[in-house]
PDB file of N, CA and C in Angstrom:
ATOM      1  N   MET A   1      25.816  -8.195   1.408  1.00  0.00           N
ATOM      2  CA  MET A   1      25.365  -6.943   0.820  1.00  0.00           C
ATOM      3  C   MET A   1      24.566  -6.143   1.853  1.00  0.00           C
ATOM      4  N   VAL A   2      23.663  -6.831   2.556  1.00  0.00           N
ATOM      5  CA  VAL A   2      22.821  -6.145   3.539  1.00  0.00           C
ATOM      6  C   VAL A   2      23.674  -5.605   4.682  1.00  0.00           C
ATOM      7  N   LEU A   3      24.664  -6.379   5.116  1.00  0.00           N
ATOM      8  CA  LEU A   3      25.495  -5.954   6.241  1.00  0.00           C
ATOM      9  C   LEU A   3      26.352  -4.745   5.930  1.00  0.00           C
ATOM     10  N   PHE A   4      26.860  -4.654   4.719  1.00  0.00           N
ATOM     11  CA  PHE A   4      27.825  -3.608   4.403  1.00  0.00           C
ATOM     12  C   PHE A   4      27.220  -2.381   3.726  1.00  0.00           C
ATOM     13  N   ARG A   5      26.062  -2.490   3.138  1.00  0.00           N
ATOM     14  CA  ARG A   5      25.488  -1.380   2.369  1.00  0.00           C
ATOM     15  C   ARG A   5      24.362  -0.625   3.070  1.00  0.00           C
ATOM     16  N   ILE A   6      23.811  -1.174   4.133  1.00  0.00           N
ATOM     17  CA  ILE A   6      22.655  -0.550   4.773  1.00  0.00           C
ATOM     18  C   ILE A   6      23.071   0.007   6.127  1.00  0.00           C
ATOM     19  N   ASP A   7      22.796   1.277   6.345  1.00  0.00           N
ATOM     20  CA  ASP A   7      23.063   1.922   7.621  1.00  0.00           C
ATOM     21  C   ASP A   7      21.829   1.776   8.509  1.00  0.00           C
ATOM     22  N   PRO A   8      21.940   1.070   9.644  1.00  0.00           N
ATOM     23  CA  PRO A   8      20.747   0.847  10.473  1.00  0.00           C
ATOM     24  C   PRO A   8      20.208   2.124  11.119  1.00  0.00           C
ATOM     25  N   GLY A   9      21.024   3.162  11.200  1.00  0.00           N
ATOM     26  CA  GLY A   9      20.557   4.412  11.794  1.00  0.00           C
ATOM     27  C   GLY A   9      19.545   5.147  10.927  1.00  0.00           C
ATOM     28  N   VAL A  10      19.673   5.020   9.628  1.00  0.00           N
ATOM     29  CA  VAL A  10      18.765   5.722   8.722  1.00  0.00           C
ATOM     30  C   VAL A  10      17.904   4.764   7.913  1.00  0.00           C
ATOM     31  N   ALA A  11      18.056   3.479   8.136  1.00  0.00           N
ATOM     32  CA  ALA A  11      17.321   2.483   7.359  1.00  0.00           C
ATOM     33  C   ALA A  11      15.861   2.428   7.798  1.00  0.00           C
ATOM     34  N   GLY A  12      15.045   2.084   6.863  1.00  0.00           N
ATOM     35  CA  GLY A  12      13.629   1.926   7.146  1.00  0.00           C
ATOM     36  C   GLY A  12      13.279   0.490   7.473  1.00  0.00           C
ATOM     37  N   LEU A  13      11.999   0.225   7.470  1.00  0.00           N
ATOM     38  CA  LEU A  13      11.493  -1.096   7.802  1.00  0.00           C
ATOM     39  C   LEU A  13      11.954  -2.148   6.800  1.00  0.00           C
ATOM     40  N   LEU A  14      12.023  -1.782   5.534  1.00  0.00           N
ATOM     41  CA  LEU A  14      12.419  -2.735   4.503  1.00  0.00           C
ATOM     42  C   LEU A  14      13.849  -3.232   4.712  1.00  0.00           C
ATOM     43  N   ALA A  15      14.728  -2.377   5.174  1.00  0.00           N
ATOM     44  CA  ALA A  15      16.109  -2.788   5.430  1.00  0.00           C
ATOM     45  C   ALA A  15      16.174  -3.799   6.570  1.00  0.00           C
ATOM     46  N   PHE A  16      15.372  -3.598   7.597  1.00  0.00           N
ATOM     47  CA  PHE A  16      15.357  -4.551   8.702  1.00  0.00           C
ATOM     48  C   PHE A  16      14.743  -5.875   8.279  1.00  0.00           C
ATOM     49  N   ILE A  17      13.768  -5.835   7.407  1.00  0.00           N
ATOM     50  CA  ILE A  17      13.186  -7.075   6.876  1.00  0.00           C
ATOM     51  C   ILE A  17      14.230  -7.836   6.074  1.00  0.00           C
ATOM     52  N   PHE A  18      14.997  -7.124   5.242  1.00  0.00           N
ATOM     53  CA  PHE A  18      16.072  -7.777   4.489  1.00  0.00           C
ATOM     54  C   PHE A  18      17.133  -8.349   5.416  1.00  0.00           C
ATOM     55  N   PHE A  19      17.494  -7.603   6.454  1.00  0.00           N
ATOM     56  CA  PHE A  19      18.515  -8.075   7.378  1.00  0.00           C
ATOM     57  C   PHE A  19      18.067  -9.345   8.093  1.00  0.00           C
ATOM     58  N   TYR A  20      16.891  -9.298   8.693  1.00  0.00           N
ATOM     59  CA  TYR A  20      16.430 -10.451   9.463  1.00  0.00           C
ATOM     60  C   TYR A  20      16.139 -11.657   8.580  1.00  0.00           C
ATOM     61  N   SER A  21      15.658 -11.444   7.365  1.00  0.00           N
ATOM     62  CA  SER A  21      15.403 -12.581   6.480  1.00  0.00           C
ATOM     63  C   SER A  21      16.715 -13.196   5.992  1.00  0.00           C
ATOM     64  N   SER A  22      17.703 -12.375   5.652  1.00  0.00           N
ATOM     65  CA  SER A  22      18.986 -12.948   5.240  1.00  0.00           C
ATOM     66  C   SER A  22      19.682 -13.630   6.416  1.00  0.00           C
ATOM     67  N   PHE A  23      19.529 -13.085   7.603  1.00  0.00           N
ATOM     68  CA  PHE A  23      20.091 -13.715   8.796  1.00  0.00           C
ATOM     69  C   PHE A  23      19.420 -15.052   9.071  1.00  0.00           C
ATOM     70  N   ALA A  24      18.107 -15.104   8.917  1.00  0.00           N
ATOM     71  CA  ALA A  24      17.372 -16.352   9.130  1.00  0.00           C
ATOM     72  C   ALA A  24      17.773 -17.409   8.100  1.00  0.00           C
ATOM     73  N   LEU A  25      17.940 -17.007   6.858  1.00  0.00           N
ATOM     74  CA  LEU A  25      18.344 -17.965   5.831  1.00  0.00           C
ATOM     75  C   LEU A  25      19.753 -18.487   6.078  1.00  0.00           C
ATOM     76  N   SER A  26      20.653 -17.610   6.490  1.00  0.00           N
ATOM     77  CA  SER A  26      22.018 -18.076   6.752  1.00  0.00           C
ATOM     78  C   SER A  26      22.057 -18.996   7.974  1.00  0.00           C
ATOM     79  N   LEU A  27      21.293 -18.679   9.004  1.00  0.00           N
ATOM     80  CA  LEU A  27      21.222 -19.563  10.171  1.00  0.00           C
ATOM     81  C   LEU A  27      20.609 -20.909   9.812  1.00  0.00           C
ATOM     82  N   THR A  28      19.575 -20.886   9.007  1.00  0.00           N
ATOM     83  CA  THR A  28      18.924 -22.131   8.605  1.00  0.00           C
ATOM     84  C   THR A  28      19.889 -23.023   7.837  1.00  0.00           C
ATOM     85  N   GLY A  29      20.619 -22.453   6.903  1.00  0.00           N
ATOM     86  CA  GLY A  29      21.582 -23.241   6.146  1.00  0.00           C
ATOM     87  C   GLY A  29      22.690 -23.799   7.013  1.00  0.00           C
ATOM     88  N   THR A  30      23.205 -22.966   7.911  1.00  0.00           N
ATOM     89  CA  THR A  30      24.283 -23.412   8.789  1.00  0.00           C
ATOM     90  C   THR A  30      23.814 -24.508   9.732  1.00  0.00           C
ATOM     91  N   PHE A  31      22.670 -24.294  10.370  1.00  0.00           N
ATOM     92  CA  PHE A  31      22.158 -25.297  11.302  1.00  0.00           C
ATOM     93  C   PHE A  31      21.740 -26.577  10.588  1.00  0.00           C
ATOM     94  N   ALA A  32      21.242 -26.468   9.361  1.00  0.00           N
ATOM     95  CA  ALA A  32      20.860 -27.668   8.619  1.00  0.00           C
ATOM     96  C   ALA A  32      22.092 -28.500   8.276  1.00  0.00           C
ATOM     97  N   ILE A  33      23.153 -27.848   7.850  1.00  0.00           N
ATOM     98  CA  ILE A  33      24.383 -28.585   7.543  1.00  0.00           C
ATOM     99  C   ILE A  33      24.945 -29.233   8.798  1.00  0.00           C
ATOM    100  N   LEU A  34      24.995 -28.486   9.889  1.00  0.00           N
ATOM    101  CA  LEU A  34      25.490 -29.055  11.143  1.00  0.00           C
ATOM    102  C   LEU A  34      24.603 -30.205  11.626  1.00  0.00           C
ATOM    103  N   GLY A  35      23.293 -30.044  11.482  1.00  0.00           N
ATOM    104  CA  GLY A  35      22.370 -31.093  11.901  1.00  0.00           C
ATOM    105  C   GLY A  35      22.514 -32.359  11.084  1.00  0.00           C
ATOM    106  N   VAL A  36      22.694 -32.213   9.778  1.00  0.00           N
ATOM    107  CA  VAL A  36      22.886 -33.388   8.926  1.00  0.00           C
ATOM    108  C   VAL A  36      24.194 -34.084   9.280  1.00  0.00           C
ATOM    109  N   LEU A  37      25.246 -33.306   9.503  1.00  0.00           N
ATOM    110  CA  LEU A  37      26.528 -33.915   9.866  1.00  0.00           C
ATOM    111  C   LEU A  37      26.449 -34.650  11.198  1.00  0.00           C
ATOM    112  N   LEU A  38      25.780 -34.052  12.171  1.00  0.00           N
ATOM    113  CA  LEU A  38      25.633 -34.717  13.467  1.00  0.00           C
ATOM    114  C   LEU A  38      24.759 -35.961  13.365  1.00  0.00           C
ATOM    115  N   ARG A  39      23.689 -35.887  12.597  1.00  0.00           N
ATOM    116  CA  ARG A  39      22.823 -37.056  12.427  1.00  0.00           C
ATOM    117  C   ARG A  39      23.547 -38.155  11.665  1.00  0.00           C
ATOM    118  N   TRP A  40      24.332 -37.770  10.683  1.00  0.00           N
ATOM    119  CA  TRP A  40      25.077 -38.758   9.917  1.00  0.00           C
ATOM    120  C   TRP A  40      26.134 -39.431  10.788  1.00  0.00           C
ATOM    121  N   ARG A  41      26.702 -38.674  11.704  1.00  0.00           N
ATOM    122  CA  ARG A  41      27.750 -39.201  12.581  1.00  0.00           C
ATOM    123  C   ARG A  41      27.180 -40.148  13.637  1.00  0.00           C
ATOM    124  N   PHE A  42      26.030 -39.789  14.237  1.00  0.00           N
ATOM    125  CA  PHE A  42      25.526 -40.535  15.387  1.00  0.00           C
ATOM    126  C   PHE A  42      24.407 -41.514  15.077  1.00  0.00           C
ATOM    127  N   SER A  43      23.714 -41.374  13.975  1.00  0.00           N
ATOM    128  CA  SER A  43      22.641 -42.328  13.656  1.00  0.00           C
ATOM    129  C   SER A  43      22.834 -42.824  12.230  1.00  0.00           C
ATOM    130  N   LYS A  44      23.431 -43.945  12.123  1.00  0.00           N
ATOM    131  CA  LYS A  44      23.743 -44.518  10.811  1.00  0.00           C
ATOM    132  C   LYS A  44      22.564 -45.296  10.215  1.00  0.00           C
ATOM    133  N   ASP A  45      21.542 -45.591  11.026  1.00  0.00           N
ATOM    134  CA  ASP A  45      20.469 -46.460  10.547  1.00  0.00           C
ATOM    135  C   ASP A  45      19.385 -45.728   9.766  1.00  0.00           C
ATOM    136  N   GLU A  46      19.329 -44.395   9.828  1.00  0.00           N
ATOM    137  CA  GLU A  46      18.300 -43.653   9.100  1.00  0.00           C
ATOM    138  C   GLU A  46      18.739 -43.410   7.660  1.00  0.00           C
ATOM    139  N   MET A  47      17.755 -43.272   6.808  1.00  0.00           N
ATOM    140  CA  MET A  47      18.025 -42.949   5.418  1.00  0.00           C
ATOM    141  C   MET A  47      18.487 -41.496   5.323  1.00  0.00           C
ATOM    142  N   ALA A  48      19.246 -41.176   4.296  1.00  0.00           N
ATOM    143  CA  ALA A  48      19.832 -39.843   4.153  1.00  0.00           C
ATOM    144  C   ALA A  48      18.761 -38.773   3.967  1.00  0.00           C
ATOM    145  N   TYR A  49      17.722 -39.065   3.181  1.00  0.00           N
ATOM    146  CA  TYR A  49      16.693 -38.054   2.956  1.00  0.00           C
ATOM    147  C   TYR A  49      15.905 -37.758   4.228  1.00  0.00           C
ATOM    148  N   LYS A  50      15.747 -38.751   5.106  1.00  0.00           N
ATOM    149  CA  LYS A  50      15.069 -38.508   6.377  1.00  0.00           C
ATOM    150  C   LYS A  50      15.932 -37.655   7.286  1.00  0.00           C
ATOM    151  N   GLN A  51      17.231 -37.891   7.282  1.00  0.00           N
ATOM    152  CA  GLN A  51      18.130 -37.083   8.087  1.00  0.00           C
ATOM    153  C   GLN A  51      18.116 -35.635   7.626  1.00  0.00           C
ATOM    154  N   VAL A  52      18.128 -35.415   6.328  1.00  0.00           N
ATOM    155  CA  VAL A  52      18.098 -34.054   5.782  1.00  0.00           C
ATOM    156  C   VAL A  52      16.770 -33.385   6.106  1.00  0.00           C
ATOM    157  N   SER A  53      15.690 -34.119   6.000  1.00  0.00           N
ATOM    158  CA  SER A  53      14.368 -33.563   6.279  1.00  0.00           C
ATOM    159  C   SER A  53      14.239 -33.130   7.743  1.00  0.00           C
ATOM    160  N   ILE A  54      14.635 -33.999   8.635  1.00  0.00           N
ATOM    161  CA  ILE A  54      14.537 -33.685  10.064  1.00  0.00           C
ATOM    162  C   ILE A  54      15.477 -32.549  10.439  1.00  0.00           C
ATOM    163  N   ALA A  55      16.698 -32.597   9.934  1.00  0.00           N
ATOM    164  CA  ALA A  55      17.665 -31.545  10.249  1.00  0.00           C
ATOM    165  C   ALA A  55      17.220 -30.197   9.695  1.00  0.00           C
ATOM    166  N   SER A  56      16.620 -30.185   8.523  1.00  0.00           N
ATOM    167  CA  SER A  56      16.127 -28.929   7.945  1.00  0.00           C
ATOM    168  C   SER A  56      14.977 -28.360   8.762  1.00  0.00           C
ATOM    169  N   ARG A  57      14.069 -29.225   9.171  1.00  0.00           N
ATOM    170  CA  ARG A  57      12.939 -28.762   9.984  1.00  0.00           C
ATOM    171  C   ARG A  57      13.428 -28.180  11.305  1.00  0.00           C
ATOM    172  N   GLN A  58      14.342 -28.859  11.959  1.00  0.00           N
ATOM    173  CA  GLN A  58      14.864 -28.366  13.225  1.00  0.00           C
ATOM    174  C   GLN A  58      15.692 -27.102  13.035  1.00  0.00           C
ATOM    175  N   ALA A  59      16.384 -26.987  11.918  1.00  0.00           N
ATOM    176  CA  ALA A  59      17.155 -25.777  11.631  1.00  0.00           C
ATOM    177  C   ALA A  59      16.241 -24.581  11.427  1.00  0.00           C
ATOM    178  N   ILE A  60      15.135 -24.789  10.747  1.00  0.00           N
ATOM    179  CA  ILE A  60      14.174 -23.700  10.546  1.00  0.00           C
ATOM    180  C   ILE A  60      13.598 -23.257  11.885  1.00  0.00           C
ATOM    181  N   LEU A  61      13.232 -24.205  12.726  1.00  0.00           N
ATOM    182  CA  LEU A  61      12.683 -23.860  14.044  1.00  0.00           C
ATOM    183  C   LEU A  61      13.698 -23.101  14.892  1.00  0.00           C
ATOM    184  N   PHE A  62      14.929 -23.573  14.913  1.00  0.00           N
ATOM    185  CA  PHE A  62      15.952 -22.926  15.726  1.00  0.00           C
ATOM    186  C   PHE A  62      16.293 -21.543  15.184  1.00  0.00           C
ATOM    187  N   ALA A  63      16.335 -21.401  13.860  1.00  0.00           N
ATOM    188  CA  ALA A  63      16.602 -20.087  13.266  1.00  0.00           C
ATOM    189  C   ALA A  63      15.469 -19.117  13.574  1.00  0.00           C
ATOM    190  N   LEU A  64      14.230 -19.593  13.541  1.00  0.00           N
ATOM    191  CA  LEU A  64      13.099 -18.731  13.888  1.00  0.00           C
ATOM    192  C   LEU A  64      13.161 -18.284  15.348  1.00  0.00           C
ATOM    193  N   VAL A  65      13.551 -19.197  16.228  1.00  0.00           N
ATOM    194  CA  VAL A  65      13.701 -18.829  17.639  1.00  0.00           C
ATOM    195  C   VAL A  65      14.773 -17.757  17.783  1.00  0.00           C
ATOM    196  N   MET A  66      15.883 -17.916  17.082  1.00  0.00           N
ATOM    197  CA  MET A  66      16.967 -16.938  17.161  1.00  0.00           C
ATOM    198  C   MET A  66      16.542 -15.572  16.618  1.00  0.00           C
ATOM    199  N   VAL A  67      15.883 -15.566  15.472  1.00  0.00           N
ATOM    200  CA  VAL A  67      15.491 -14.305  14.847  1.00  0.00           C
ATOM    201  C   VAL A  67      14.418 -13.592  15.670  1.00  0.00           C
ATOM    202  N   VAL A  68      13.437 -14.342  16.146  1.00  0.00           N
ATOM    203  CA  VAL A  68      12.399 -13.723  16.983  1.00  0.00           C
ATOM    204  C   VAL A  68      13.013 -13.192  18.276  1.00  0.00           C
ATOM    205  N   SER A  69      13.969 -13.911  18.836  1.00  0.00           N
ATOM    206  CA  SER A  69      14.651 -13.424  20.039  1.00  0.00           C
ATOM    207  C   SER A  69      15.401 -12.124  19.758  1.00  0.00           C
ATOM    208  N   LEU A  70      16.069 -12.046  18.624  1.00  0.00           N
ATOM    209  CA  LEU A  70      16.786 -10.818  18.276  1.00  0.00           C
ATOM    210  C   LEU A  70      15.833  -9.656  18.019  1.00  0.00           C
ATOM    211  N   ILE A  71      14.705  -9.941  17.392  1.00  0.00           N
ATOM    212  CA  ILE A  71      13.719  -8.878  17.167  1.00  0.00           C
ATOM    213  C   ILE A  71      13.162  -8.392  18.496  1.00  0.00           C
ATOM    214  N   LEU A  72      12.837  -9.317  19.389  1.00  0.00           N
ATOM    215  CA  LEU A  72      12.354  -8.919  20.714  1.00  0.00           C
ATOM    216  C   LEU A  72      13.421  -8.143  21.486  1.00  0.00           C
ATOM    217  N   GLN A  73      14.673  -8.556  21.373  1.00  0.00           N
ATOM    218  CA  GLN A  73      15.747  -7.843  22.063  1.00  0.00           C
ATOM    219  C   GLN A  73      15.942  -6.445  21.489  1.00  0.00           C
ATOM    220  N   SER A  74      15.811  -6.290  20.186  1.00  0.00           N
ATOM    221  CA  SER A  74      15.981  -4.969  19.583  1.00  0.00           C
ATOM    222  C   SER A  74      14.884  -4.005  20.024  1.00  0.00           C
ATOM    223  N   GLN A  75      13.728  -4.539  20.373  1.00  0.00           N
ATOM    224  CA  GLN A  75      12.631  -3.708  20.857  1.00  0.00           C
ATOM    225  C   GLN A  75      12.585  -3.634  22.378  1.00  0.00           C
ATOM    226  N   ARG A  76      13.547  -4.263  23.043  1.00  0.00           N
ATOM    227  CA  ARG A  76      13.667  -4.315  24.507  1.00  0.00           C
ATOM    228  C   ARG A  76      12.487  -5.042  25.165  1.00  0.00           C
ATOM    229  N   TYR A  77      11.995  -6.069  24.487  1.00  0.00           N
ATOM    230  CA  TYR A  77      10.900  -6.871  25.028  1.00  0.00           C
ATOM    231  C   TYR A  77      11.345  -8.254  25.464  1.00  0.00           C
ATOM    232  N   LEU A  78      12.595  -8.614  25.244  1.00  0.00           N
ATOM    233  CA  LEU A  78      13.059  -9.956  25.549  1.00  0.00           C
ATOM    234  C   LEU A  78      13.343 -10.085  27.038  1.00  0.00           C
ATOM    235  N   THR A  79      12.621 -10.982  27.667  1.00  0.00           N
ATOM    236  CA  THR A  79      12.859 -11.342  29.065  1.00  0.00           C
ATOM    237  C   THR A  79      13.018 -12.848  29.129  1.00  0.00           C
ATOM    238  N   TRP A  80      13.386 -13.351  30.281  1.00  0.00           N
ATOM    239  CA  TRP A  80      13.629 -14.786  30.396  1.00  0.00           C
ATOM    240  C   TRP A  80      12.346 -15.576  30.185  1.00  0.00           C
ATOM    241  N   TRP A  81      11.216 -15.032  30.629  1.00  0.00           N
ATOM    242  CA  TRP A  81       9.970 -15.786  30.462  1.00  0.00           C
ATOM    243  C   TRP A  81       9.463 -15.703  29.027  1.00  0.00           C
ATOM    244  N   ASN A  82       9.763 -14.614  28.292  1.00  0.00           N
ATOM    245  CA  ASN A  82       9.429 -14.582  26.868  1.00  0.00           C
ATOM    246  C   ASN A  82      10.234 -15.614  26.096  1.00  0.00           C
ATOM    247  N   LEU A  83      11.513 -15.718  26.444  1.00  0.00           N
ATOM    248  CA  LEU A  83      12.362 -16.708  25.792  1.00  0.00           C
ATOM    249  C   LEU A  83      11.910 -18.128  26.137  1.00  0.00           C
ATOM    250  N   LEU A  84      11.503 -18.347  27.376  1.00  0.00           N
ATOM    251  CA  LEU A  84      10.994 -19.650  27.780  1.00  0.00           C
ATOM    252  C   LEU A  84       9.723 -20.009  27.009  1.00  0.00           C
ATOM    253  N   ILE A  85       8.828 -19.057  26.847  1.00  0.00           N
ATOM    254  CA  ILE A  85       7.607 -19.297  26.071  1.00  0.00           C
ATOM    255  C   ILE A  85       7.944 -19.603  24.618  1.00  0.00           C
ATOM    256  N   LEU A  86       8.888 -18.858  24.066  1.00  0.00           N
ATOM    257  CA  LEU A  86       9.305 -19.079  22.685  1.00  0.00           C
ATOM    258  C   LEU A  86       9.913 -20.467  22.501  1.00  0.00           C
ATOM    259  N   LEU A  87      10.735 -20.888  23.438  1.00  0.00           N
ATOM    260  CA  LEU A  87      11.329 -22.228  23.365  1.00  0.00           C
ATOM    261  C   LEU A  87      10.280 -23.321  23.554  1.00  0.00           C
ATOM    262  N   LEU A  88       9.302 -23.093  24.430  1.00  0.00           N
ATOM    263  CA  LEU A  88       8.234 -24.077  24.613  1.00  0.00           C
ATOM    264  C   LEU A  88       7.362 -24.206  23.362  1.00  0.00           C
ATOM    265  N   VAL A  89       7.115 -23.106  22.686  1.00  0.00           N
ATOM    266  CA  VAL A  89       6.346 -23.156  21.439  1.00  0.00           C
ATOM    267  C   VAL A  89       7.116 -23.937  20.381  1.00  0.00           C
ATOM    268  N   ALA A  90       8.425 -23.667  20.267  1.00  0.00           N
ATOM    269  CA  ALA A  90       9.247 -24.401  19.296  1.00  0.00           C
ATOM    270  C   ALA A  90       9.295 -25.887  19.639  1.00  0.00           C
ATOM    271  N   ALA A  91       9.425 -26.215  20.925  1.00  0.00           N
ATOM    272  CA  ALA A  91       9.420 -27.617  21.337  1.00  0.00           C
ATOM    273  C   ALA A  91       8.064 -28.261  21.056  1.00  0.00           C
ATOM    274  N   GLY A  92       6.995 -27.522  21.259  1.00  0.00           N
ATOM    275  CA  GLY A  92       5.660 -28.039  20.951  1.00  0.00           C
ATOM    276  C   GLY A  92       5.476 -28.310  19.466  1.00  0.00           C
ATOM    277  N   VAL A  93       5.993 -27.432  18.626  1.00  0.00           N
ATOM    278  CA  VAL A  93       5.914 -27.655  17.176  1.00  0.00           C
ATOM    279  C   VAL A  93       6.717 -28.895  16.792  1.00  0.00           C
ATOM    280  N   GLU A  94       7.900 -29.038  17.371  1.00  0.00           N
ATOM    281  CA  GLU A  94       8.722 -30.222  17.079  1.00  0.00           C
ATOM    282  C   GLU A  94       8.037 -31.505  17.564  1.00  0.00           C
ATOM    283  N   LEU A  95       7.436 -31.467  18.737  1.00  0.00           N
ATOM    284  CA  LEU A  95       6.711 -32.632  19.239  1.00  0.00           C
ATOM    285  C   LEU A  95       5.504 -32.957  18.368  1.00  0.00           C
ATOM    286  N   PHE A  96       4.856 -31.926  17.835  1.00  0.00           N
ATOM    287  CA  PHE A  96       3.745 -32.154  16.916  1.00  0.00           C
ATOM    288  C   PHE A  96       4.221 -32.905  15.680  1.00  0.00           C
ATOM    289  N   PHE A  97       5.340 -32.477  15.106  1.00  0.00           N
ATOM    290  CA  PHE A  97       5.851 -33.159  13.916  1.00  0.00           C
ATOM    291  C   PHE A  97       6.275 -34.588  14.223  1.00  0.00           C
ATOM    292  N   ILE A  98       6.870 -34.813  15.382  1.00  0.00           N
ATOM    293  CA  ILE A  98       7.275 -36.166  15.759  1.00  0.00           C
ATOM    294  C   ILE A  98       6.052 -37.069  15.935  1.00  0.00           C
ATOM    295  N   SER A  99       5.031 -36.571  16.640  1.00  0.00           N
ATOM    296  CA  SER A  99       3.840 -37.390  16.864  1.00  0.00           C
ATOM    297  C   SER A  99       3.026 -37.556  15.583  1.00  0.00           C
ATOM    298  N   TYR A 100       3.015 -36.561  14.718  1.00  0.00           N
ATOM    299  CA  TYR A 100       2.303 -36.666  13.445  1.00  0.00           C
ATOM    300  C   TYR A 100       2.939 -37.732  12.569  1.00  0.00           C
ATOM    301  N   LYS A 101       4.259 -37.804  12.578  1.00  0.00           N
ATOM    302  CA  LYS A 101       4.962 -38.804  11.803  1.00  0.00           C
ATOM    303  C   LYS A 101       4.675 -40.202  12.321  1.00  0.00           C
ATOM    304  N   LYS A 102       4.658 -40.374  13.643  1.00  0.00           N
ATOM    305  CA  LYS A 102       4.407 -41.683  14.224  1.00  0.00           C
ATOM    306  C   LYS A 102       2.950 -42.105  14.038  1.00  0.00           C
ATOM    307  N   PHE A 103       2.031 -41.137  14.074  1.00  0.00           N
ATOM    308  CA  PHE A 103       0.617 -41.439  13.938  1.00  0.00           C
ATOM    309  C   PHE A 103       0.260 -41.842  12.522  1.00  0.00           C
ATOM    310  N   ASN A 104       0.923 -41.282  11.530  1.00  0.00           N
ATOM    311  CA  ASN A 104       0.588 -41.529  10.123  1.00  0.00           C
ATOM    312  C   ASN A 104       1.416 -42.635   9.483  1.00  0.00           C
ATOM    313  N   LYS A 105       2.121 -43.418  10.253  1.00  0.00           N
ATOM    314  CA  LYS A 105       2.883 -44.528   9.647  1.00  0.00           C
ATOM    315  C   LYS A 105       2.028 -45.665   9.273  1.00  0.00           C
TER     316      LYS A 105
END
């Protein structure tokens, strides 16, 4: 609906919020499904709910990186070092979750 009904030339801020949020949700769902399938294929020893949890968390992080990159690119602020910082922040968040899980066992 957002792709076909909203003209980006005359759209306001609300239209861009709808676009980026629907894009983020679709990326999250796609990456979560792909992540669960890959985890199910390569790691048979984990429980299914743990695989879904980890894949969903990583899908959200990757979708956020993609959406923030697109927003920065639309404003002409995306450079290689901005993308590197964004990826390092996402990796740091993922490492935090991994270490938090190991620490609280």
